[in-house]
Amino acid sequence: MLRGESRNAGLRGLRLDATLPRPLRQQIIVPFLLLLVFVAVVGIAALTYQATGNGLTGFDQNLVRGSVQANDALATLEAGRLNDLRTLAATPSLATVVQQRNETALSALFVANTRAAQEEHVVILVVDGDGRRLVSIPAGKGRAAYSDVAAVRHVLTGASDRQGDKYLAVVTEDTGDVVYWAAPIRGATQRVVGAVLLGVSITDLAAQLGHTQGGRLFFYGPTGRPLDSSAAGLSSLSPDVRQSVSADHLMRVSASANGHTYAVAVGDWTMRGEHLGYLGVGVPADQAVDNVFRLRIVLLFVFAGTALLVLVVGGLLARRITRPLEQLVSSMLATGDFSHRRLSSRADEIGYLTSSFNEMTASLEEKTKALEASSFASVEALARAIDARDAYTYGHSARVARLSFEIAREMGLPPEQLSTLGRAALLHDIGKIGVEDRVLRKPGPLTKREVIAMRAHPVIGYEMLKGLHFLESSLSGIRHHHEHWDGTGYPDGLSGEGIPLAVRILTVADALDALTSDRPYRSAMSFSAALATIETGAAIQFDPAVIRALRSHSAAIAALLTVMGKPRAMPSDMVKEPAI
């Protein structure tokens, strides 16, 4: 009885072992699925980024065109308002009535202008020599006094500049912000006895000009505060945007107003030589957002279908691989006296199963390594494709890998570190997938914003690849290949030996290939000139020890550059004596 229970216990143990093939199938399928997820995420991000970039290119063209048209329309409107102002200031007997402070007579003088003012949504004010309001059209508009408005004070003191004796100001009234043009009222002796103000509210100004542009205008004050009360939900301009705007430089921002999203080109708002704030020309961006969203949905469906196909095919493949092991375990369970006929003891049984499992594990490890190699080949192909976006950087990553290998071997790095360095060199610029083509291919100096965008590529590459376990040891080269020996590099400001040695080697190899390659803004340097340039950065940008290794192995490296298609790097073109 005890012997039968022992045999049943052994059979129960074998049944537990029979579940081993199920995790094996998962280990075969899961890496393929992870690779698919990685490629899908990168692909969806790249395609969405490209589609968004193409859409925004059209937006940018419309925004620039709209900004030019808006400023032209604003200048035309101002010319018309100034003509109206001259006519009002020249009204017969106006100076006499103002001096008499006869409000009834003033209203009678402007009775013909009342209907026109209402139709054109303008306000006419007459103030005396102290800036106090005498009459307004329509009645009750404006404040009691305007002596605190600088433009009115200039007019009342008879001031004049290169624009003439008429001034302009934005004044905050109870009904909102208003643009006022002011002109002097002169008596018989040309002495200023008062002023005429012609005002248009910012809301009406935006509506009048916006209809002519097919978009929407947004007016901001000098501090970036929105001035149009009808633009509900519009946020203020950030200090960065205000600092970047100039007379010849627009900034594109995204803005939301009244439940709609706009792409807005923000420029300088200047009238009659006065900086009044900022003028934004907005084009509705809702359609572009919807298009990008629909593109993402389509790509997600494509990815889901592909993932399902991979799971089905992977399951069939895993079943075929693990079937022999399942059959072996099944045959073991089918024979009740298996331990007596095939194995002499329980120890032999355990040894047999252990041997089978070890063989299975070794086979799995081989398949895992093959899968990692396939995954790396896919990522490497993506990195080479990024190099190929620009004819000047084509093959750059492969050349940096070869140069890094030569320098590292001269410095005696062990084989496992050479492999890690090679992978890091091949993938160090993969983060440039997140940098726009117009920035990568720009022939001249980059703007401040473009420099920030370019300097983001090490972190982008690091974030893309940090989930791949087999690339973990190479991630530091991808993130830190722009760090400097003196700590002035990016993105983390590492310095000295805080930067891994392999990364310091990669940094020198990257600089050497860049200096000996043609660029839109200069021709390739000779090897000796490039070496001299790198040596000037010793203990500043580069590790002096790495530069010494480069110098001592210069003949082989120059020959390698020549083989890689750089004929100017000839061995005879080198300085023999070390400079460091």
Protein backbone atom coordinates (compact mmCIF):
# COMPACT_ATOMS: atom_id res chain seq x y z
CA MET A 1 0.00 0.00 0.00
CA LEU A 2 2.79 2.36 0.87
CA ARG A 3 4.63 1.37 -2.30
CA GLY A 4 1.54 2.17 -4.43
CA GLU A 5 1.17 5.54 -2.73
CA SER A 6 4.84 6.18 -3.44
CA ARG A 7 4.32 5.43 -7.09
CA ASN A 8 1.22 7.63 -7.24
CA ALA A 9 3.16 10.44 -5.62
CA GLY A 10 5.85 10.01 -8.25
CA LEU A 11 3.24 10.15 -11.00
CA ARG A 12 1.73 13.28 -9.48
CA GLY A 13 5.23 14.80 -9.51
CA LEU A 14 5.57 13.92 -13.19
CA ARG A 15 2.22 15.54 -13.93
CA LEU A 16 3.51 18.74 -12.35
CA ASP A 17 6.61 18.50 -14.52
CA ALA A 18 4.39 18.09 -17.57
CA THR A 19 3.41 21.74 -17.28
CA LEU A 20 6.97 22.86 -18.09
CA PRO A 21 6.41 23.23 -21.87
CA ARG A 22 3.72 25.88 -21.30
CA PRO A 23 6.19 28.50 -19.89
CA LEU A 24 8.56 27.55 -22.69
CA ARG A 25 5.97 28.51 -25.26
CA GLN A 26 5.52 31.81 -23.50
CA GLN A 27 9.28 32.42 -23.47
CA ILE A 28 9.36 31.83 -27.22
CA ILE A 29 6.35 34.01 -28.04
CA VAL A 30 6.85 36.91 -25.60
CA PRO A 31 10.18 38.20 -27.07
CA PHE A 32 8.59 38.34 -30.54
CA LEU A 33 5.63 40.20 -29.10
CA LEU A 34 7.89 42.66 -27.24
CA LEU A 35 9.84 43.34 -30.42
CA LEU A 36 6.59 43.95 -32.25
CA VAL A 37 5.43 46.37 -29.55
CA PHE A 38 8.73 48.25 -29.73
CA VAL A 39 8.64 48.55 -33.54
CA ALA A 40 4.95 49.52 -33.43
CA VAL A 41 5.46 52.25 -30.82
CA VAL A 42 8.44 53.69 -32.69
CA GLY A 43 6.65 53.40 -36.03
CA ILE A 44 3.42 55.00 -34.81
CA ALA A 45 5.37 57.82 -33.17
CA ALA A 46 7.45 58.42 -36.30
CA LEU A 47 4.48 58.34 -38.70
CA THR A 48 2.37 60.54 -36.43
CA TYR A 49 5.26 62.97 -36.03
CA GLN A 50 5.78 63.08 -39.80
CA ALA A 51 2.07 63.57 -40.48
CA THR A 52 1.86 66.30 -37.85
CA GLY A 53 4.97 67.98 -39.26
CA ASN A 54 3.55 67.97 -42.80
CA GLY A 55 0.27 69.36 -41.55
CA LEU A 56 1.98 72.09 -39.54
CA THR A 57 4.05 73.10 -42.57
CA GLY A 58 0.84 74.11 -44.32
CA PHE A 59 -0.31 75.84 -41.15
CA ASP A 60 2.95 77.79 -40.92
CA GLN A 61 2.56 79.05 -44.48
CA ASN A 62 -1.03 80.14 -43.81
CA LEU A 63 -0.02 81.76 -40.54
CA VAL A 64 2.81 83.79 -42.08
CA ARG A 65 0.56 84.88 -44.92
CA GLY A 66 -2.21 85.75 -42.46
CA SER A 67 0.16 87.75 -40.27
CA VAL A 68 1.31 89.86 -43.21
CA GLN A 69 -2.27 90.43 -44.34
CA ALA A 70 -3.40 91.31 -40.80
CA ASN A 71 -0.70 93.95 -40.40
CA ASP A 72 -1.56 95.39 -43.82
CA ALA A 73 -5.25 95.51 -42.89
CA LEU A 74 -4.37 97.12 -39.56
CA ALA A 75 -2.32 99.81 -41.32
CA THR A 76 -5.20 100.45 -43.77
CA LEU A 77 -7.70 100.73 -40.92
CA GLU A 78 -5.41 103.13 -39.04
CA ALA A 79 -5.05 105.34 -42.11
CA GLY A 80 -8.83 105.56 -42.37
CA ARG A 81 -9.23 106.38 -38.68
CA LEU A 82 -6.58 109.12 -38.90
CA ASN A 83 -8.42 110.71 -41.82
CA ASP A 84 -11.64 110.63 -39.78
CA LEU A 85 -9.76 112.15 -36.84
CA ARG A 86 -8.40 115.01 -38.97
CA THR A 87 -11.92 115.75 -40.19
CA LEU A 88 -13.29 115.78 -36.65
CA ALA A 89 -10.50 118.02 -35.33
CA ALA A 90 -11.10 120.49 -38.20
CA THR A 91 -14.84 120.89 -37.44
CA PRO A 92 -15.67 124.64 -37.72
CA SER A 93 -15.98 126.55 -34.43
CA LEU A 94 -14.95 123.42 -32.48
CA ALA A 95 -12.14 125.24 -30.64
CA THR A 96 -14.47 128.06 -29.57
CA VAL A 97 -17.12 125.69 -28.21
CA VAL A 98 -14.46 123.67 -26.33
CA GLN A 99 -13.08 126.83 -24.71
CA GLN A 100 -16.63 127.75 -23.68
CA ARG A 101 -17.14 124.19 -22.36
CA ASN A 102 -20.59 124.26 -23.97
CA GLU A 103 -21.55 120.56 -24.01
CA THR A 104 -24.87 121.18 -25.74
CA ALA A 105 -23.20 123.02 -28.60
CA LEU A 106 -20.57 120.28 -28.86
CA SER A 107 -23.24 117.62 -29.19
CA ALA A 108 -24.91 119.68 -31.91
CA LEU A 109 -21.62 119.97 -33.82
CA PHE A 110 -21.22 116.17 -33.92
CA VAL A 111 -24.85 115.19 -34.38
CA ALA A 112 -24.12 114.22 -38.00
CA ASN A 113 -21.41 111.82 -36.83
CA THR A 114 -23.57 109.93 -34.32
CA ARG A 115 -25.12 107.44 -36.76
CA ALA A 116 -21.80 106.81 -38.55
CA ALA A 117 -20.07 106.16 -35.22
CA GLN A 118 -22.71 103.61 -34.23
CA GLU A 119 -22.54 101.81 -37.59
CA GLU A 120 -18.74 101.61 -37.54
CA HIS A 121 -18.54 100.73 -33.83
CA VAL A 122 -16.31 103.69 -32.95
CA VAL A 123 -16.34 106.08 -30.00
CA ILE A 124 -15.81 109.85 -30.37
CA LEU A 125 -14.66 111.78 -27.30
CA VAL A 126 -13.89 115.49 -26.88
CA VAL A 127 -11.81 116.54 -23.87
CA ASP A 128 -10.78 119.99 -22.64
CA GLY A 129 -7.27 121.24 -22.00
CA ASP A 130 -7.15 119.40 -18.65
CA GLY A 131 -8.15 116.07 -20.19
CA ARG A 132 -11.71 116.11 -18.78
CA ARG A 133 -14.42 114.64 -20.99
CA LEU A 134 -16.85 117.21 -22.41
CA VAL A 135 -18.93 115.02 -24.74
CA SER A 136 -18.98 111.42 -26.01
CA ILE A 137 -20.61 109.76 -29.01
CA PRO A 138 -22.44 107.46 -28.32
CA ALA A 139 -23.50 109.21 -25.12
CA GLY A 140 -22.12 107.91 -21.84
CA LYS A 141 -19.04 106.25 -23.34
CA GLY A 142 -15.57 106.63 -21.87
CA ARG A 143 -14.27 107.88 -18.54
CA ALA A 144 -14.66 111.25 -16.87
CA ALA A 145 -11.00 112.27 -17.45
CA TYR A 146 -8.04 111.15 -19.56
CA SER A 147 -5.24 113.21 -18.04
CA ASP A 148 -3.48 110.01 -16.92
CA VAL A 149 -3.19 108.66 -20.50
CA ALA A 150 0.27 109.49 -21.85
CA ALA A 151 -0.93 109.86 -25.47
CA VAL A 152 -3.57 112.44 -24.42
CA ARG A 153 -1.04 114.39 -22.36
CA HIS A 154 1.29 114.56 -25.38
CA VAL A 155 -1.51 115.95 -27.54
CA LEU A 156 -2.64 118.51 -24.95
CA THR A 157 0.93 119.80 -24.48
CA GLY A 158 1.28 120.29 -28.26
CA ALA A 159 3.99 117.61 -28.55
CA SER A 160 4.99 116.33 -31.97
CA ASP A 161 7.27 113.55 -33.20
CA ARG A 162 8.26 112.08 -36.57
CA GLN A 163 4.76 110.59 -36.84
CA GLY A 164 3.16 114.01 -36.40
CA ASP A 165 1.02 115.53 -33.65
CA LYS A 166 -1.40 112.59 -33.38
CA TYR A 167 -0.88 109.84 -30.80
CA LEU A 168 -2.26 106.41 -30.03
CA ALA A 169 -2.84 104.41 -26.83
CA VAL A 170 -4.63 101.31 -25.52
CA VAL A 171 -6.90 102.31 -22.62
CA THR A 172 -8.76 99.96 -20.27
CA GLU A 173 -12.39 101.09 -20.04
CA ASP A 174 -15.31 99.58 -18.12
CA THR A 175 -16.45 97.78 -21.27
CA GLY A 176 -12.98 96.43 -22.10
CA ASP A 177 -9.75 97.58 -23.74
CA VAL A 178 -10.04 100.32 -26.40
CA VAL A 179 -7.53 101.66 -28.95
CA TYR A 180 -7.71 105.48 -29.04
CA TRP A 181 -6.25 107.83 -31.63
CA ALA A 182 -5.93 111.41 -30.30
CA ALA A 183 -5.57 114.72 -32.20
CA PRO A 184 -5.23 118.28 -30.86
CA ILE A 185 -7.91 120.98 -31.10
CA ARG A 186 -6.19 124.28 -31.79
CA GLY A 187 -7.58 127.77 -31.34
CA ALA A 188 -7.04 130.82 -33.54
CA THR A 189 -3.53 131.29 -32.17
CA GLN A 190 -2.68 127.58 -32.75
CA ARG A 191 -2.71 127.01 -29.02
CA VAL A 192 -4.03 123.57 -28.03
CA VAL A 193 -7.33 123.98 -26.18
CA GLY A 194 -8.46 120.34 -26.12
CA ALA A 195 -8.33 117.04 -27.95
CA VAL A 196 -10.51 114.73 -30.03
CA LEU A 197 -10.26 110.98 -29.33
CA LEU A 198 -11.44 108.34 -31.80
CA GLY A 199 -11.65 104.87 -30.23
CA VAL A 200 -12.28 101.29 -31.37
CA SER A 201 -12.65 98.46 -28.86
CA ILE A 202 -10.19 95.57 -29.16
CA THR A 203 -13.11 93.16 -29.54
CA ASP A 204 -14.51 95.11 -32.52
CA LEU A 205 -11.03 95.55 -33.98
CA ALA A 206 -10.38 91.79 -33.86
CA ALA A 207 -13.78 91.06 -35.38
CA GLN A 208 -13.40 93.60 -38.21
CA LEU A 209 -9.91 92.47 -39.23
CA GLY A 210 -10.52 88.77 -38.55
CA HIS A 211 -13.37 88.57 -41.06
CA THR A 212 -11.08 89.88 -43.80
CA GLN A 213 -8.36 87.29 -43.03
CA GLY A 214 -10.51 84.14 -42.87
CA GLY A 215 -9.09 83.38 -39.42
CA ARG A 216 -9.07 85.02 -36.02
CA LEU A 217 -6.96 87.77 -34.48
CA PHE A 218 -5.80 87.73 -30.87
CA PHE A 219 -4.53 90.94 -29.29
CA TYR A 220 -2.24 90.76 -26.25
CA GLY A 221 -0.89 93.52 -24.02
CA PRO A 222 2.82 94.12 -23.30
CA THR A 223 2.67 91.59 -20.44
CA GLY A 224 1.07 88.93 -22.67
CA ARG A 225 -2.43 89.42 -21.19
CA PRO A 226 -5.28 88.80 -23.70
CA LEU A 227 -7.11 92.03 -24.52
CA ASP A 228 -10.08 90.62 -26.49
CA SER A 229 -12.88 89.93 -23.97
CA SER A 230 -14.76 87.83 -26.54
CA ALA A 231 -11.96 85.19 -26.66
CA ALA A 232 -13.15 83.15 -23.68
CA GLY A 233 -10.54 80.80 -22.25
CA LEU A 234 -7.58 82.37 -24.06
CA SER A 235 -4.44 82.10 -21.92
CA SER A 236 -1.65 84.67 -21.57
CA LEU A 237 1.59 84.45 -23.53
CA SER A 238 4.49 82.89 -21.65
CA PRO A 239 7.68 84.91 -21.01
CA ASP A 240 9.62 82.62 -23.39
CA VAL A 241 7.25 83.40 -26.25
CA ARG A 242 7.35 87.15 -25.57
CA GLN A 243 11.15 87.16 -25.47
CA SER A 244 11.39 85.24 -28.75
CA VAL A 245 9.06 87.56 -30.69
CA SER A 246 10.65 90.43 -32.59
CA ALA A 247 9.80 92.69 -35.49
CA ASP A 248 11.00 90.08 -38.01
CA HIS A 249 10.42 86.86 -36.05
CA LEU A 250 7.08 85.14 -35.43
CA MET A 251 6.37 82.45 -32.84
CA ARG A 252 3.85 79.67 -33.46
CA VAL A 253 1.84 78.67 -30.38
CA SER A 254 -1.28 76.64 -29.72
CA ALA A 255 -4.23 78.51 -28.20
CA SER A 256 -7.77 77.60 -27.15
CA ALA A 257 -10.62 80.08 -27.25
CA ASN A 258 -14.39 79.55 -27.08
CA GLY A 259 -13.95 75.76 -27.21
CA HIS A 260 -11.82 75.78 -30.39
CA THR A 261 -8.13 75.10 -30.86
CA TYR A 262 -6.02 77.46 -33.00
CA ALA A 263 -2.51 77.45 -34.36
CA VAL A 264 -1.45 81.06 -33.71
CA ALA A 265 1.44 83.04 -35.22
CA VAL A 266 2.39 85.66 -32.62
CA GLY A 267 4.19 88.78 -33.81
CA ASP A 268 5.01 92.24 -32.57
CA TRP A 269 2.10 94.72 -32.39
CA THR A 270 3.45 98.18 -33.17
CA MET A 271 1.46 101.20 -34.36
CA ARG A 272 2.72 104.73 -34.93
CA GLY A 273 6.09 103.73 -33.54
CA GLU A 274 4.63 102.53 -30.21
CA HIS A 275 4.97 98.92 -29.00
CA LEU A 276 1.41 98.16 -27.89
CA GLY A 277 1.82 94.42 -27.25
CA TYR A 278 1.55 91.31 -29.42
CA LEU A 279 -0.71 90.40 -32.33
CA GLY A 280 -1.64 86.76 -32.94
CA VAL A 281 -3.12 85.44 -36.18
CA GLY A 282 -4.96 82.16 -35.56
CA VAL A 283 -5.94 79.41 -37.97
CA PRO A 284 -8.36 76.69 -36.71
CA ALA A 285 -6.36 73.56 -35.89
CA ASP A 286 -9.26 71.28 -34.92
CA GLN A 287 -9.21 69.52 -38.30
CA ALA A 288 -5.48 68.79 -38.06
CA VAL A 289 -5.90 67.39 -34.54
CA ASP A 290 -8.74 65.17 -35.76
CA ASN A 291 -6.65 63.94 -38.71
CA VAL A 292 -3.75 62.99 -36.43
CA PHE A 293 -6.15 61.24 -34.05
CA ARG A 294 -7.69 59.26 -36.91
CA LEU A 295 -4.21 58.33 -38.16
CA ARG A 296 -3.30 57.02 -34.71
CA ILE A 297 -6.52 54.96 -34.56
CA VAL A 298 -5.80 53.39 -37.97
CA LEU A 299 -2.22 52.60 -36.95
CA LEU A 300 -3.42 51.08 -33.67
CA PHE A 301 -5.83 48.79 -35.56
CA VAL A 302 -3.01 47.76 -37.91
CA PHE A 303 -0.79 47.06 -34.92
CA ALA A 304 -3.50 45.04 -33.16
CA GLY A 305 -4.05 42.92 -36.27
CA THR A 306 -0.33 42.35 -36.66
CA ALA A 307 0.01 41.44 -32.97
CA LEU A 308 -2.78 38.90 -33.31
CA LEU A 309 -1.08 37.40 -36.35
CA VAL A 310 2.23 37.21 -34.46
CA LEU A 311 0.53 35.48 -31.54
CA VAL A 312 -1.09 32.89 -33.82
CA VAL A 313 2.06 32.22 -35.84
CA GLY A 314 4.24 32.30 -32.70
CA GLY A 315 1.90 29.88 -30.94
CA LEU A 316 2.05 27.44 -33.84
CA LEU A 317 5.83 27.74 -33.99
CA ALA A 318 6.19 27.29 -30.22
CA ARG A 319 3.88 24.27 -30.35
CA ARG A 320 6.02 22.70 -33.03
CA ILE A 321 9.20 23.32 -31.05
CA THR A 322 7.87 22.00 -27.72
CA ARG A 323 5.82 19.06 -29.09
CA PRO A 324 8.69 16.51 -28.80
CA LEU A 325 9.10 17.37 -25.11
CA GLU A 326 5.34 17.05 -24.53
CA GLN A 327 5.35 13.66 -26.20
CA LEU A 328 8.25 12.56 -24.01
CA VAL A 329 6.44 13.56 -20.79
CA SER A 330 3.17 12.00 -22.02
CA SER A 331 4.89 8.69 -22.68
CA MET A 332 6.39 8.86 -19.17
CA LEU A 333 2.92 9.32 -17.65
CA ALA A 334 1.33 6.56 -19.77
CA THR A 335 3.64 3.89 -18.36
CA GLY A 336 2.81 3.20 -14.71
CA ASP A 337 5.95 1.23 -14.03
CA PHE A 338 8.19 3.63 -15.98
CA SER A 339 10.59 3.98 -13.07
CA HIS A 340 11.10 0.18 -12.88
CA ARG A 341 11.59 -0.50 -16.60
CA ARG A 342 13.60 2.53 -17.65
CA LEU A 343 15.30 3.76 -14.52
CA SER A 344 16.86 1.75 -11.74
CA SER A 345 16.08 4.25 -9.03
CA ARG A 346 14.35 7.51 -8.18
CA ALA A 347 17.74 9.22 -8.39
CA ASP A 348 18.08 8.03 -12.02
CA GLU A 349 14.60 9.38 -12.76
CA ILE A 350 15.44 12.79 -11.37
CA GLY A 351 18.77 12.78 -13.21
CA TYR A 352 17.09 11.90 -16.48
CA LEU A 353 14.49 14.66 -16.16
CA THR A 354 17.14 17.15 -15.11
CA SER A 355 19.25 16.26 -18.15
CA SER A 356 16.25 16.68 -20.46
CA PHE A 357 15.36 20.00 -18.88
CA ASN A 358 18.98 21.24 -19.15
CA GLU A 359 19.03 20.38 -22.86
CA MET A 360 15.73 22.18 -23.28
CA THR A 361 17.06 25.24 -21.40
CA ALA A 362 20.23 25.32 -23.51
CA SER A 363 18.12 25.22 -26.66
CA LEU A 364 15.97 28.05 -25.31
CA GLU A 365 19.06 30.14 -24.50
CA GLU A 366 20.30 29.67 -28.07
CA LYS A 367 16.92 30.78 -29.43
CA THR A 368 16.87 33.76 -27.05
CA LYS A 369 20.33 34.85 -28.21
CA ALA A 370 19.24 34.47 -31.84
CA LEU A 371 16.15 36.57 -31.09
CA GLU A 372 18.26 39.25 -29.38
CA ALA A 373 20.56 39.33 -32.40
CA SER A 374 17.53 39.70 -34.68
CA SER A 375 16.12 42.47 -32.47
CA PHE A 376 19.45 44.31 -32.47
CA ALA A 377 19.64 43.99 -36.26
CA SER A 378 16.20 45.62 -36.52
CA VAL A 379 17.18 48.48 -34.22
CA GLU A 380 20.52 48.89 -36.04
CA ALA A 381 18.68 49.09 -39.37
CA LEU A 382 16.51 51.85 -37.90
CA ALA A 383 19.65 53.72 -36.76
CA ARG A 384 21.20 53.44 -40.23
CA ALA A 385 17.96 54.72 -41.75
CA ILE A 386 18.16 57.77 -39.47
CA ASP A 387 21.77 58.39 -40.62
CA ALA A 388 20.51 58.19 -44.22
CA ARG A 389 18.04 61.05 -43.67
CA ASP A 390 20.96 63.38 -44.38
CA ALA A 391 23.51 62.71 -47.13
CA TYR A 392 26.21 64.31 -44.95
CA THR A 393 25.72 61.80 -42.10
CA TYR A 394 25.15 58.66 -44.18
CA GLY A 395 27.18 55.82 -42.65
CA HIS A 396 28.21 57.99 -39.68
CA SER A 397 27.22 55.49 -36.96
CA ALA A 398 29.02 52.56 -38.63
CA ARG A 399 32.21 54.63 -39.01
CA VAL A 400 32.04 55.77 -35.37
CA ALA A 401 31.72 52.12 -34.31
CA ARG A 402 34.85 51.16 -36.28
CA LEU A 403 36.85 54.11 -34.96
CA SER A 404 35.71 53.45 -31.36
CA PHE A 405 36.78 49.81 -31.68
CA GLU A 406 40.29 50.80 -32.85
CA ILE A 407 40.83 53.30 -30.02
CA ALA A 408 39.36 50.97 -27.37
CA ARG A 409 41.56 48.08 -28.49
CA GLU A 410 44.61 50.34 -28.24
CA MET A 411 43.56 51.18 -24.67
CA GLY A 412 43.19 47.48 -23.79
CA LEU A 413 39.42 47.26 -23.16
CA PRO A 414 38.27 43.65 -22.55
CA PRO A 415 36.21 41.87 -25.27
CA GLU A 416 32.86 42.20 -23.47
CA GLN A 417 33.31 45.99 -23.21
CA LEU A 418 34.28 46.16 -26.89
CA SER A 419 30.97 44.51 -27.78
CA THR A 420 29.05 46.93 -25.54
CA LEU A 421 30.90 49.91 -27.05
CA GLY A 422 30.21 48.72 -30.60
CA ARG A 423 26.46 48.55 -29.96
CA ALA A 424 26.42 51.95 -28.28
CA ALA A 425 28.34 53.49 -31.22
CA LEU A 426 25.96 52.01 -33.80
CA LEU A 427 22.90 53.32 -31.94
CA HIS A 428 24.22 56.55 -30.38
CA ASP A 429 22.27 58.85 -32.74
CA ILE A 430 19.02 56.83 -32.90
CA GLY A 431 17.29 59.56 -30.89
CA LYS A 432 17.49 61.87 -33.94
CA ILE A 433 14.28 60.17 -35.06
CA GLY A 434 12.63 62.80 -32.84
CA VAL A 435 14.38 65.79 -34.52
CA GLU A 436 12.76 67.49 -37.50
CA ASP A 437 14.42 67.20 -40.92
CA ARG A 438 14.58 70.97 -41.28
CA VAL A 439 16.74 71.13 -38.15
CA LEU A 440 18.95 68.15 -39.05
CA ARG A 441 19.56 69.43 -42.59
CA LYS A 442 19.82 73.15 -41.82
CA PRO A 443 22.97 74.47 -43.55
CA GLY A 444 23.55 77.44 -41.24
CA PRO A 445 23.68 78.06 -37.48
CA LEU A 446 20.76 76.79 -35.41
CA THR A 447 18.46 79.07 -33.44
CA LYS A 448 18.15 78.73 -29.68
CA ARG A 449 14.99 76.61 -30.01
CA GLU A 450 16.59 74.45 -32.70
CA VAL A 451 19.63 73.85 -30.48
CA ILE A 452 17.31 72.73 -27.66
CA ALA A 453 15.53 70.36 -30.07
CA MET A 454 18.83 68.93 -31.33
CA ARG A 455 20.22 68.46 -27.81
CA ALA A 456 17.21 66.33 -26.88
CA HIS A 457 18.27 63.41 -29.12
CA PRO A 458 20.48 61.55 -26.54
CA VAL A 459 17.58 61.40 -24.06
CA ILE A 460 15.10 60.44 -26.80
CA GLY A 461 17.36 57.56 -27.87
CA TYR A 462 17.87 56.45 -24.26
CA GLU A 463 14.12 56.45 -23.55
CA MET A 464 13.43 54.50 -26.77
CA LEU A 465 15.82 51.66 -25.93
CA LYS A 466 15.90 51.46 -22.13
CA GLY A 467 13.27 48.71 -22.08
CA LEU A 468 15.44 46.30 -24.12
CA HIS A 469 17.35 44.20 -21.59
CA PHE A 470 20.09 43.07 -24.00
CA LEU A 471 21.00 46.74 -24.72
CA GLU A 472 21.13 47.78 -21.05
CA SER A 473 24.94 47.93 -20.92
CA SER A 474 25.06 50.17 -24.03
CA LEU A 475 22.52 52.75 -22.83
CA SER A 476 25.13 54.98 -21.15
CA GLY A 477 26.87 55.53 -24.50
CA ILE A 478 23.57 56.52 -26.11
CA ARG A 479 22.65 58.98 -23.34
CA HIS A 480 26.07 60.47 -22.52
CA HIS A 481 28.00 60.69 -25.82
CA HIS A 482 27.74 64.50 -25.67
CA GLU A 483 29.03 64.88 -22.10
CA HIS A 484 32.30 66.84 -21.73
CA TRP A 485 35.35 66.09 -19.60
CA ASP A 486 34.95 69.45 -17.80
CA GLY A 487 31.22 68.92 -17.11
CA THR A 488 29.86 71.43 -19.64
CA GLY A 489 28.21 68.80 -21.85
CA TYR A 490 24.65 67.51 -21.90
CA PRO A 491 22.18 66.09 -20.96
CA ASP A 492 23.34 65.36 -17.39
CA GLY A 493 26.53 67.46 -17.03
CA LEU A 494 28.76 64.50 -16.14
CA SER A 495 32.50 65.21 -15.87
CA GLY A 496 35.88 63.48 -15.73
CA GLU A 497 35.87 59.83 -14.79
CA GLY A 498 32.21 60.12 -13.90
CA ILE A 499 31.74 59.50 -17.62
CA PRO A 500 32.33 55.78 -18.40
CA LEU A 501 35.57 55.12 -20.29
CA ALA A 502 33.74 53.51 -23.22
CA VAL A 503 31.60 56.64 -23.56
CA ARG A 504 34.70 58.88 -23.50
CA ILE A 505 36.12 56.80 -26.37
CA LEU A 506 32.85 57.03 -28.28
CA THR A 507 32.82 60.84 -27.85
CA VAL A 508 36.30 61.20 -29.42
CA ALA A 509 35.44 58.82 -32.29
CA ASP A 510 32.19 60.73 -32.94
CA ALA A 511 34.09 64.05 -33.12
CA LEU A 512 36.82 62.57 -35.38
CA ASP A 513 34.30 61.27 -37.92
CA ALA A 514 32.35 64.55 -37.87
CA LEU A 515 35.48 66.67 -38.44
CA THR A 516 36.71 64.49 -41.33
CA SER A 517 33.29 64.52 -43.04
CA ASP A 518 31.85 67.15 -45.37
CA ARG A 519 29.17 69.38 -43.89
CA PRO A 520 26.88 71.94 -45.58
CA TYR A 521 28.80 74.75 -43.88
CA ARG A 522 32.40 73.43 -44.35
CA SER A 523 34.52 70.87 -46.16
CA ALA A 524 36.01 67.80 -44.48
CA MET A 525 39.26 68.34 -42.54
CA SER A 526 42.40 66.33 -43.14
CA PHE A 527 43.29 63.79 -40.46
CA SER A 528 46.09 65.92 -39.02
CA ALA A 529 43.85 69.02 -38.87
CA ALA A 530 41.06 67.04 -37.21
CA LEU A 531 43.52 65.54 -34.73
CA ALA A 532 44.91 68.97 -33.88
CA THR A 533 41.37 70.30 -33.35
CA ILE A 534 40.52 67.42 -31.02
CA GLU A 535 43.76 67.94 -29.07
CA THR A 536 42.75 71.53 -28.33
CA GLY A 537 39.78 70.07 -26.48
CA ALA A 538 41.91 67.84 -24.22
CA ALA A 539 40.82 68.12 -20.57
CA ILE A 540 37.99 70.39 -21.73
CA GLN A 541 35.74 68.32 -23.96
CA PHE A 542 37.75 65.09 -24.26
CA ASP A 543 39.65 62.69 -22.00
CA PRO A 544 43.41 63.30 -22.49
CA ALA A 545 44.11 59.56 -22.13
CA VAL A 546 41.80 58.75 -25.03
CA ILE A 547 43.47 61.40 -27.19
CA ARG A 548 46.88 59.89 -26.39
CA ALA A 549 45.61 56.50 -27.51
CA LEU A 550 44.26 58.08 -30.69
CA ARG A 551 47.60 59.73 -31.37
CA SER A 552 49.67 56.59 -30.66
CA HIS A 553 47.43 54.51 -32.96
CA SER A 554 47.08 57.26 -35.57
CA ALA A 555 48.57 55.36 -38.52
CA ALA A 556 46.03 52.55 -38.29
CA ILE A 557 43.14 54.96 -37.71
CA ALA A 558 44.13 57.19 -40.64
CA ALA A 559 44.35 54.12 -42.85
CA LEU A 560 40.90 53.03 -41.60
CA LEU A 561 39.43 56.43 -42.45
CA THR A 562 40.88 56.13 -45.95
CA VAL A 563 39.32 52.71 -46.39
CA MET A 564 35.97 54.12 -45.21
CA GLY A 565 35.98 56.61 -48.09
CA LYS A 566 37.86 59.60 -46.67
CA PRO A 567 40.85 60.08 -49.02
CA ARG A 568 42.08 63.21 -47.23
CA ALA A 569 43.00 61.14 -44.14
CA MET A 570 46.24 59.65 -45.55
CA PRO A 571 49.02 58.29 -43.30
CA SER A 572 51.50 60.75 -44.80
CA ASP A 573 49.26 63.56 -43.61
CA MET A 574 49.88 62.89 -39.93
CA VAL A 575 52.02 64.52 -37.26
CA LYS A 576 54.40 61.89 -35.82
CA GLU A 577 55.21 63.24 -32.36
CA PRO A 578 52.47 63.13 -29.71
CA ALA A 579 51.17 66.52 -28.65
CA ILE A 580 49.88 65.33 -25.29
